[in-house]
C-alpha atoms as a PDB file:
ATOM      1  CA  MET A   1       0.000   0.000   0.000  1.00  0.00           C
ATOM      2  CA  ILE A   2       1.363   3.417  -0.914  1.00  0.00           C
ATOM      3  CA  LYS A   3       1.886   5.929   1.859  1.00  0.00           C
ATOM      4  CA  THR A   4      -0.771   8.628   1.968  1.00  0.00           C
ATOM      5  CA  ASP A   5       1.747  11.439   2.557  1.00  0.00           C
ATOM      6  CA  PHE A   6       3.400  10.581  -0.760  1.00  0.00           C
ATOM      7  CA  LEU A   7       0.026  10.590  -2.486  1.00  0.00           C
ATOM      8  CA  ASP A   8      -0.957  13.870  -0.793  1.00  0.00           C
ATOM      9  CA  ASN A   9       2.255  15.548  -1.954  1.00  0.00           C
ATOM     10  CA  LEU A  10       1.830  14.244  -5.489  1.00  0.00           C
ATOM     11  CA  VAL A  11      -1.776  15.481  -5.713  1.00  0.00           C
ATOM     12  CA  ARG A  12      -0.790  18.836  -4.207  1.00  0.00           C
ATOM     13  CA  GLN A  13       1.946  19.280  -6.813  1.00  0.00           C
ATOM     14  CA  VAL A  14      -0.438  18.498  -9.664  1.00  0.00           C
ATOM     15  CA  ILE A  15      -3.106  20.865  -8.302  1.00  0.00           C
ATOM     16  CA  GLN A  16      -0.549  23.663  -7.869  1.00  0.00           C
ATOM     17  CA  THR A  17       0.394  23.446 -11.546  1.00  0.00           C
ATOM     18  CA  LEU A  18      -3.199  24.146 -12.589  1.00  0.00           C
ATOM     19  CA  PRO A  19      -4.248  27.736 -13.248  1.00  0.00           C
ATOM     20  CA  GLY A  20      -6.757  29.551 -11.082  1.00  0.00           C
ATOM     21  CA  GLY A  21      -8.628  29.432  -7.839  1.00  0.00           C
ATOM     22  CA  ASP A  22      -9.405  27.375  -4.850  1.00  0.00           C
ATOM     23  CA  GLY A  23     -13.033  26.842  -5.788  1.00  0.00           C
ATOM     24  CA  GLN A  24     -15.207  23.758  -5.665  1.00  0.00           C
ATOM     25  CA  LEU A  25     -13.912  22.641  -9.064  1.00  0.00           C
ATOM     26  CA  THR A  26     -10.364  22.447  -7.693  1.00  0.00           C
ATOM     27  CA  LYS A  27     -11.530  20.516  -4.640  1.00  0.00           C
ATOM     28  CA  ASP A  28     -13.481  18.073  -6.805  1.00  0.00           C
ATOM     29  CA  LEU A  29     -10.509  17.672  -9.115  1.00  0.00           C
ATOM     30  CA  GLU A  30      -8.219  17.015  -6.151  1.00  0.00           C
ATOM     31  CA  LYS A  31     -10.612  14.384  -4.762  1.00  0.00           C
ATOM     32  CA  ASN A  32     -10.975  12.627  -8.120  1.00  0.00           C
ATOM     33  CA  LEU A  33      -7.255  12.834  -8.884  1.00  0.00           C
ATOM     34  CA  ARG A  34      -6.413  11.320  -5.486  1.00  0.00           C
ATOM     35  CA  ALA A  35      -8.849   8.442  -6.059  1.00  0.00           C
ATOM     36  CA  ALA A  36      -7.530   7.812  -9.569  1.00  0.00           C
ATOM     37  CA  MET A  37      -3.896   7.813  -8.457  1.00  0.00           C
ATOM     38  CA  GLN A  38      -4.649   5.529  -5.524  1.00  0.00           C
ATOM     39  CA  GLY A  39      -6.351   3.110  -7.915  1.00  0.00           C
ATOM     40  CA  VAL A  40      -3.392   3.133 -10.299  1.00  0.00           C
ATOM     41  CA  PHE A  41      -0.907   2.567  -7.483  1.00  0.00           C
ATOM     42  CA  ASN A  42      -2.995  -0.277  -6.053  1.00  0.00           C
ATOM     43  CA  ARG A  43      -3.154  -2.009  -9.437  1.00  0.00           C
ATOM     44  CA  MET A  44       0.612  -1.689  -9.774  1.00  0.00           C
ATOM     45  CA  ASP A  45       0.969  -3.870  -6.668  1.00  0.00           C
ATOM     46  CA  LEU A  46       3.835  -1.770  -5.289  1.00  0.00           C
ATOM     47  CA  VAL A  47       5.720  -2.629  -2.112  1.00  0.00           C
ATOM     48  CA  THR A  48       7.074  -0.254   0.476  1.00  0.00           C
ATOM     49  CA  ARG A  49      10.788   0.407   0.872  1.00  0.00           C
ATOM     50  CA  GLU A  50      10.665  -1.409   4.233  1.00  0.00           C
ATOM     51  CA  GLU A  51       9.143  -4.519   2.653  1.00  0.00           C
ATOM     52  CA  PHE A  52      11.726  -4.431  -0.130  1.00  0.00           C
ATOM     53  CA  GLU A  53      14.641  -4.107   2.290  1.00  0.00           C
ATOM     54  CA  LEU A  54      13.265  -6.914   4.466  1.00  0.00           C
ATOM     55  CA  GLN A  55      12.989  -9.238   1.464  1.00  0.00           C
ATOM     56  CA  THR A  56      16.492  -8.254   0.295  1.00  0.00           C
ATOM     57  CA  GLU A  57      17.907  -9.129   3.711  1.00  0.00           C
ATOM     58  CA  LEU A  58      16.019 -12.424   3.770  1.00  0.00           C
ATOM     59  CA  LEU A  59      17.329 -13.296   0.312  1.00  0.00           C
ATOM     60  CA  ALA A  60      20.914 -12.537   1.377  1.00  0.00           C
ATOM     61  CA  ARG A  61      20.586 -14.803   4.421  1.00  0.00           C
ATOM     62  CA  THR A  62      19.053 -17.550   2.283  1.00  0.00           C
ATOM     63  CA  ARG A  63      21.845 -17.246  -0.266  1.00  0.00           C
ATOM     64  CA  THR A  64      24.479 -17.531   2.493  1.00  0.00           C
ATOM     65  CA  LYS A  65      22.795 -20.622   3.924  1.00  0.00           C
ATOM     66  CA  LEU A  66      22.570 -22.180   0.449  1.00  0.00           C
ATOM     67  CA  GLU A  67      26.284 -21.608  -0.136  1.00  0.00           C
ATOM     68  CA  GLN A  68      27.065 -23.270   3.221  1.00  0.00           C
ATOM     69  CA  LEU A  69      24.899 -26.267   2.348  1.00  0.00           C
ATOM     70  CA  GLU A  70      26.518 -26.582  -1.094  1.00  0.00           C
ATOM     71  CA  GLN A  71      29.936 -26.595   0.545  1.00  0.00           C
ATOM     72  CA  GLN A  72      28.834 -29.273   3.040  1.00  0.00           C
ATOM     73  CA  ILE A  73      27.498 -31.430   0.222  1.00  0.00           C
ATOM     74  CA  ALA A  74      30.763 -31.067  -1.701  1.00  0.00           C
ATOM     75  CA  GLU A  75      32.728 -32.083   1.403  1.00  0.00           C
ATOM     76  CA  LEU A  76      30.499 -35.107   2.028  1.00  0.00           C
ATOM     77  CA  GLU A  77      30.779 -36.182  -1.609  1.00  0.00           C
ATOM     78  CA  ALA A  78      34.564 -35.890  -1.384  1.00  0.00           C
ATOM     79  CA  GLN A  79      34.599 -37.994   1.789  1.00  0.00           C
ATOM     80  CA  LEU A  80      32.370 -40.579   0.179  1.00  0.00           C
ATOM     81  CA  LYS A  81      34.559 -40.714  -2.920  1.00  0.00           C
ATOM     82  CA  ASN A  82      37.737 -41.068  -0.819  1.00  0.00           C
ATOM     83  CA  SER A  83      36.279 -43.861   1.317  1.00  0.00           C
ATOM     84  CA  SER A  84      35.277 -45.983  -1.692  1.00  0.00           C
END
């Protein structure tokens, strides 16, 4: 889920680029623009930076464990080959 402060800033920047007033039309446009952007971001299935970093760390730990297991297997195969 995208952070609302990011979405608020993005909508504010778009609204500020439009000419003229703070009338009801601007408020309606801001409301509709916010809803449209939220819908687009939800369909994009984005992840937060925290989720990304957590998954990156998990992948690094998994990779390290896999390398250790591969080394153990190679050592066991060498022992098996030497004992035959």
